């Protein structure tokens, strides 16, 4: 049974892929370390425990499921906007 209260993080990458991929996952203390590293690298962070729970079963380097395309597209659009970039940059 999954612990929905445990701190979890999932990192996504779009880059040169047709579909965004899960490139890192962490739980508990490792999740905090992953977020701190992202902050240091100026990588946008969105805290959404529901999305993290939906993505935790995706294998590393695995494509996100089709049913999450719209949600992830909105998040990636926001991340690119924050950095004043486009996906092909």
N, C-alpha and C. Protein backbone atom coordinates (compact mmCIF):
# COMPACT_ATOMS: atom_id res chain seq x y z
N UNK A 1 0.82 -1.16 0.00
CA UNK A 1 0.00 0.00 0.00
C UNK A 1 0.89 1.26 0.00
N UNK A 2 0.53 2.24 -0.82
CA UNK A 2 1.32 3.46 -0.94
C UNK A 2 1.06 4.40 0.23
N UNK A 3 2.12 5.03 0.70
CA UNK A 3 2.02 6.03 1.75
C UNK A 3 1.81 7.38 1.10
N UNK A 4 0.58 7.89 1.09
CA UNK A 4 0.28 9.14 0.42
C UNK A 4 0.79 10.36 1.18
N UNK A 5 1.17 10.17 2.44
CA UNK A 5 1.64 11.30 3.24
C UNK A 5 3.15 11.50 3.16
N UNK A 6 3.88 10.54 2.60
CA UNK A 6 5.32 10.66 2.53
C UNK A 6 5.70 11.68 1.46
N UNK A 7 6.72 12.49 1.75
CA UNK A 7 7.22 13.49 0.82
C UNK A 7 7.83 12.78 -0.40
N UNK A 8 7.36 13.15 -1.59
CA UNK A 8 7.85 12.54 -2.82
C UNK A 8 8.15 13.62 -3.85
N UNK A 9 9.14 13.37 -4.69
CA UNK A 9 9.48 14.27 -5.79
C UNK A 9 9.71 13.46 -7.04
N UNK A 10 9.32 14.06 -8.16
CA UNK A 10 9.53 13.45 -9.47
C UNK A 10 10.04 14.55 -10.40
N UNK A 11 11.11 14.28 -11.12
CA UNK A 11 11.66 15.24 -12.07
C UNK A 11 11.30 14.79 -13.48
N UNK A 12 10.87 15.77 -14.29
CA UNK A 12 10.49 15.50 -15.67
C UNK A 12 11.43 16.21 -16.62
N UNK A 13 11.58 15.62 -17.79
CA UNK A 13 12.38 16.24 -18.85
C UNK A 13 11.60 16.10 -20.16
N UNK A 14 11.60 17.16 -20.92
CA UNK A 14 10.96 17.12 -22.22
C UNK A 14 12.03 17.11 -23.30
N UNK A 15 12.83 18.16 -23.35
CA UNK A 15 13.99 18.22 -24.25
C UNK A 15 13.72 17.76 -25.65
N UNK A 16 14.50 16.80 -26.12
CA UNK A 16 14.41 16.31 -27.49
C UNK A 16 13.49 15.10 -27.64
N UNK A 17 12.73 14.81 -26.63
CA UNK A 17 11.82 13.66 -26.66
C UNK A 17 10.46 14.07 -27.20
N UNK A 18 9.75 13.13 -27.79
CA UNK A 18 8.39 13.40 -28.25
C UNK A 18 7.43 13.52 -27.08
N UNK A 19 7.73 12.80 -26.01
CA UNK A 19 6.87 12.78 -24.82
C UNK A 19 7.76 13.03 -23.60
N UNK A 20 7.29 13.85 -22.65
CA UNK A 20 8.08 14.06 -21.43
C UNK A 20 8.38 12.75 -20.73
N UNK A 21 9.54 12.71 -20.08
CA UNK A 21 10.00 11.50 -19.40
C UNK A 21 10.28 11.80 -17.93
N UNK A 22 10.16 10.76 -17.13
CA UNK A 22 10.54 10.83 -15.72
C UNK A 22 12.04 10.56 -15.66
N UNK A 23 12.80 11.53 -15.16
CA UNK A 23 14.26 11.35 -15.15
C UNK A 23 14.82 11.15 -13.74
N UNK A 24 14.01 11.41 -12.72
CA UNK A 24 14.47 11.18 -11.34
C UNK A 24 13.25 11.09 -10.43
N UNK A 25 13.40 10.29 -9.37
CA UNK A 25 12.34 10.16 -8.36
C UNK A 25 13.02 10.02 -7.00
N UNK A 26 12.34 10.56 -5.98
CA UNK A 26 12.89 10.45 -4.63
C UNK A 26 11.75 10.50 -3.62
N UNK A 27 12.03 9.93 -2.43
CA UNK A 27 11.07 9.94 -1.33
C UNK A 27 11.76 10.37 -0.05
N UNK A 28 10.98 10.89 0.87
CA UNK A 28 11.49 11.24 2.19
C UNK A 28 12.61 12.27 2.14
N UNK A 29 13.68 12.01 2.90
CA UNK A 29 14.81 12.94 2.96
C UNK A 29 15.43 13.16 1.58
N UNK A 30 15.45 12.13 0.76
CA UNK A 30 16.02 12.26 -0.59
C UNK A 30 15.20 13.22 -1.45
N UNK A 31 13.91 13.28 -1.19
CA UNK A 31 13.05 14.21 -1.90
C UNK A 31 13.45 15.66 -1.59
N UNK A 32 13.71 15.92 -0.33
CA UNK A 32 14.16 17.27 0.07
C UNK A 32 15.49 17.61 -0.58
N UNK A 33 16.39 16.66 -0.63
CA UNK A 33 17.70 16.88 -1.25
C UNK A 33 17.52 17.15 -2.74
N UNK A 34 16.63 16.40 -3.38
CA UNK A 34 16.38 16.59 -4.81
C UNK A 34 15.84 18.00 -5.09
N UNK A 35 14.91 18.47 -4.26
CA UNK A 35 14.36 19.82 -4.45
C UNK A 35 15.43 20.88 -4.19
N UNK A 36 16.25 20.69 -3.17
CA UNK A 36 17.30 21.66 -2.87
C UNK A 36 18.29 21.75 -4.04
N UNK A 37 18.64 20.62 -4.61
CA UNK A 37 19.53 20.60 -5.77
C UNK A 37 18.89 21.33 -6.95
N UNK A 38 17.59 21.11 -7.16
CA UNK A 38 16.89 21.81 -8.23
C UNK A 38 16.93 23.32 -8.01
N UNK A 39 16.70 23.75 -6.76
CA UNK A 39 16.77 25.19 -6.46
C UNK A 39 18.15 25.75 -6.79
N UNK A 40 19.20 25.02 -6.39
CA UNK A 40 20.57 25.47 -6.65
C UNK A 40 20.84 25.59 -8.15
N UNK A 41 20.20 24.73 -8.95
CA UNK A 41 20.40 24.74 -10.40
C UNK A 41 19.38 25.63 -11.11
N UNK A 42 18.58 26.35 -10.33
CA UNK A 42 17.55 27.24 -10.87
C UNK A 42 16.53 26.49 -11.75
N UNK A 43 16.17 25.29 -11.32
CA UNK A 43 15.16 24.49 -12.00
C UNK A 43 13.83 24.76 -11.32
N UNK A 44 12.80 25.14 -12.08
CA UNK A 44 11.49 25.41 -11.46
C UNK A 44 10.94 24.18 -10.74
N UNK A 45 10.30 24.44 -9.61
CA UNK A 45 9.72 23.37 -8.79
C UNK A 45 8.24 23.66 -8.59
N UNK A 46 7.44 22.65 -8.82
CA UNK A 46 6.01 22.72 -8.54
C UNK A 46 5.69 21.62 -7.54
N UNK A 47 5.10 21.98 -6.42
CA UNK A 47 4.76 20.97 -5.41
C UNK A 47 3.32 20.53 -5.65
N UNK A 48 3.15 19.31 -6.09
CA UNK A 48 1.83 18.73 -6.34
C UNK A 48 1.89 17.26 -5.96
N UNK A 49 1.47 16.96 -4.74
CA UNK A 49 1.57 15.58 -4.25
C UNK A 49 0.72 14.61 -5.06
N UNK A 50 -0.40 15.08 -5.59
CA UNK A 50 -1.25 14.21 -6.41
C UNK A 50 -0.53 13.80 -7.70
N UNK A 51 0.10 14.76 -8.37
CA UNK A 51 0.83 14.45 -9.60
C UNK A 51 2.02 13.54 -9.29
N UNK A 52 2.73 13.82 -8.22
CA UNK A 52 3.86 12.96 -7.83
C UNK A 52 3.38 11.53 -7.61
N UNK A 53 2.23 11.37 -6.97
CA UNK A 53 1.69 10.02 -6.74
C UNK A 53 1.33 9.34 -8.06
N UNK A 54 0.80 10.11 -9.02
CA UNK A 54 0.45 9.54 -10.32
C UNK A 54 1.68 9.15 -11.12
N UNK A 55 2.79 9.86 -10.90
CA UNK A 55 4.00 9.60 -11.68
C UNK A 55 4.96 8.60 -11.01
N UNK A 56 4.72 8.27 -9.75
CA UNK A 56 5.69 7.43 -9.05
C UNK A 56 5.81 6.02 -9.63
N UNK A 57 4.81 5.54 -10.32
CA UNK A 57 4.89 4.20 -10.91
C UNK A 57 5.54 4.19 -12.30
N UNK A 58 5.81 5.36 -12.86
CA UNK A 58 6.49 5.44 -14.15
C UNK A 58 7.96 5.09 -13.95
N UNK A 59 8.47 4.20 -14.77
CA UNK A 59 9.88 3.81 -14.68
C UNK A 59 10.79 5.00 -14.96
N UNK A 60 11.99 4.98 -14.42
CA UNK A 60 12.98 6.02 -14.76
C UNK A 60 13.24 5.98 -16.25
N UNK A 61 13.30 7.13 -16.85
CA UNK A 61 13.45 7.34 -18.29
C UNK A 61 12.21 6.86 -19.06
N UNK A 62 11.13 6.61 -18.34
CA UNK A 62 9.89 6.20 -18.96
C UNK A 62 9.04 7.40 -19.35
N UNK A 63 8.28 7.24 -20.42
CA UNK A 63 7.39 8.31 -20.88
C UNK A 63 6.21 8.44 -19.92
N UNK A 64 5.75 9.67 -19.75
CA UNK A 64 4.58 9.86 -18.89
C UNK A 64 3.37 9.24 -19.59
N UNK A 65 2.39 8.77 -18.83
CA UNK A 65 1.20 8.17 -19.44
C UNK A 65 0.35 9.22 -20.18
N UNK A 66 -0.30 8.78 -21.21
CA UNK A 66 -1.10 9.67 -22.06
C UNK A 66 -2.14 10.44 -21.26
N UNK A 67 -2.72 9.82 -20.25
CA UNK A 67 -3.76 10.51 -19.48
C UNK A 67 -3.22 11.70 -18.68
N UNK A 68 -1.89 11.83 -18.58
CA UNK A 68 -1.30 12.96 -17.87
C UNK A 68 -0.72 14.02 -18.81
N UNK A 69 -0.86 13.82 -20.13
CA UNK A 69 -0.28 14.75 -21.10
C UNK A 69 -0.70 16.20 -20.84
N UNK A 70 -2.00 16.43 -20.69
CA UNK A 70 -2.48 17.80 -20.54
C UNK A 70 -1.94 18.45 -19.27
N UNK A 71 -2.00 17.72 -18.17
CA UNK A 71 -1.52 18.26 -16.90
C UNK A 71 -0.03 18.59 -16.98
N UNK A 72 0.75 17.68 -17.53
CA UNK A 72 2.19 17.89 -17.62
C UNK A 72 2.51 19.00 -18.63
N UNK A 73 1.75 19.09 -19.72
CA UNK A 73 1.96 20.16 -20.70
C UNK A 73 1.78 21.53 -20.06
N UNK A 74 0.79 21.67 -19.21
CA UNK A 74 0.56 22.94 -18.51
C UNK A 74 1.73 23.26 -17.60
N UNK A 75 2.21 22.28 -16.88
CA UNK A 75 3.33 22.48 -15.97
C UNK A 75 4.60 22.83 -16.73
N UNK A 76 4.87 22.11 -17.83
CA UNK A 76 6.07 22.40 -18.62
C UNK A 76 5.98 23.77 -19.27
N UNK A 77 4.79 24.15 -19.72
CA UNK A 77 4.61 25.49 -20.29
C UNK A 77 4.96 26.55 -19.26
N UNK A 78 4.49 26.34 -18.04
CA UNK A 78 4.79 27.27 -16.95
C UNK A 78 6.29 27.33 -16.70
N UNK A 79 6.96 26.17 -16.67
CA UNK A 79 8.40 26.13 -16.40
C UNK A 79 9.18 26.84 -17.51
N UNK A 80 8.81 26.61 -18.76
CA UNK A 80 9.48 27.31 -19.87
C UNK A 80 9.22 28.81 -19.78
N UNK A 81 7.99 29.20 -19.46
CA UNK A 81 7.65 30.61 -19.35
C UNK A 81 8.49 31.29 -18.26
N UNK A 82 8.65 30.62 -17.13
CA UNK A 82 9.46 31.19 -16.04
C UNK A 82 10.89 31.46 -16.48
N UNK A 83 11.38 30.63 -17.36
CA UNK A 83 12.77 30.76 -17.81
C UNK A 83 12.88 31.53 -19.12
N UNK A 84 11.73 32.04 -19.61
CA UNK A 84 11.67 32.79 -20.87
C UNK A 84 12.30 31.99 -22.02
N UNK A 85 11.91 30.71 -22.10
CA UNK A 85 12.44 29.81 -23.11
C UNK A 85 11.32 29.10 -23.84
N UNK A 86 11.70 28.40 -24.90
CA UNK A 86 10.79 27.54 -25.65
C UNK A 86 11.34 26.14 -25.59
N UNK A 87 10.49 25.10 -25.77
CA UNK A 87 10.97 23.72 -25.65
C UNK A 87 12.15 23.36 -26.53
N UNK A 88 12.31 24.00 -27.68
CA UNK A 88 13.41 23.63 -28.58
C UNK A 88 14.71 24.35 -28.26
N UNK A 89 14.73 25.14 -27.20
CA UNK A 89 15.96 25.88 -26.82
C UNK A 89 16.77 25.11 -25.80
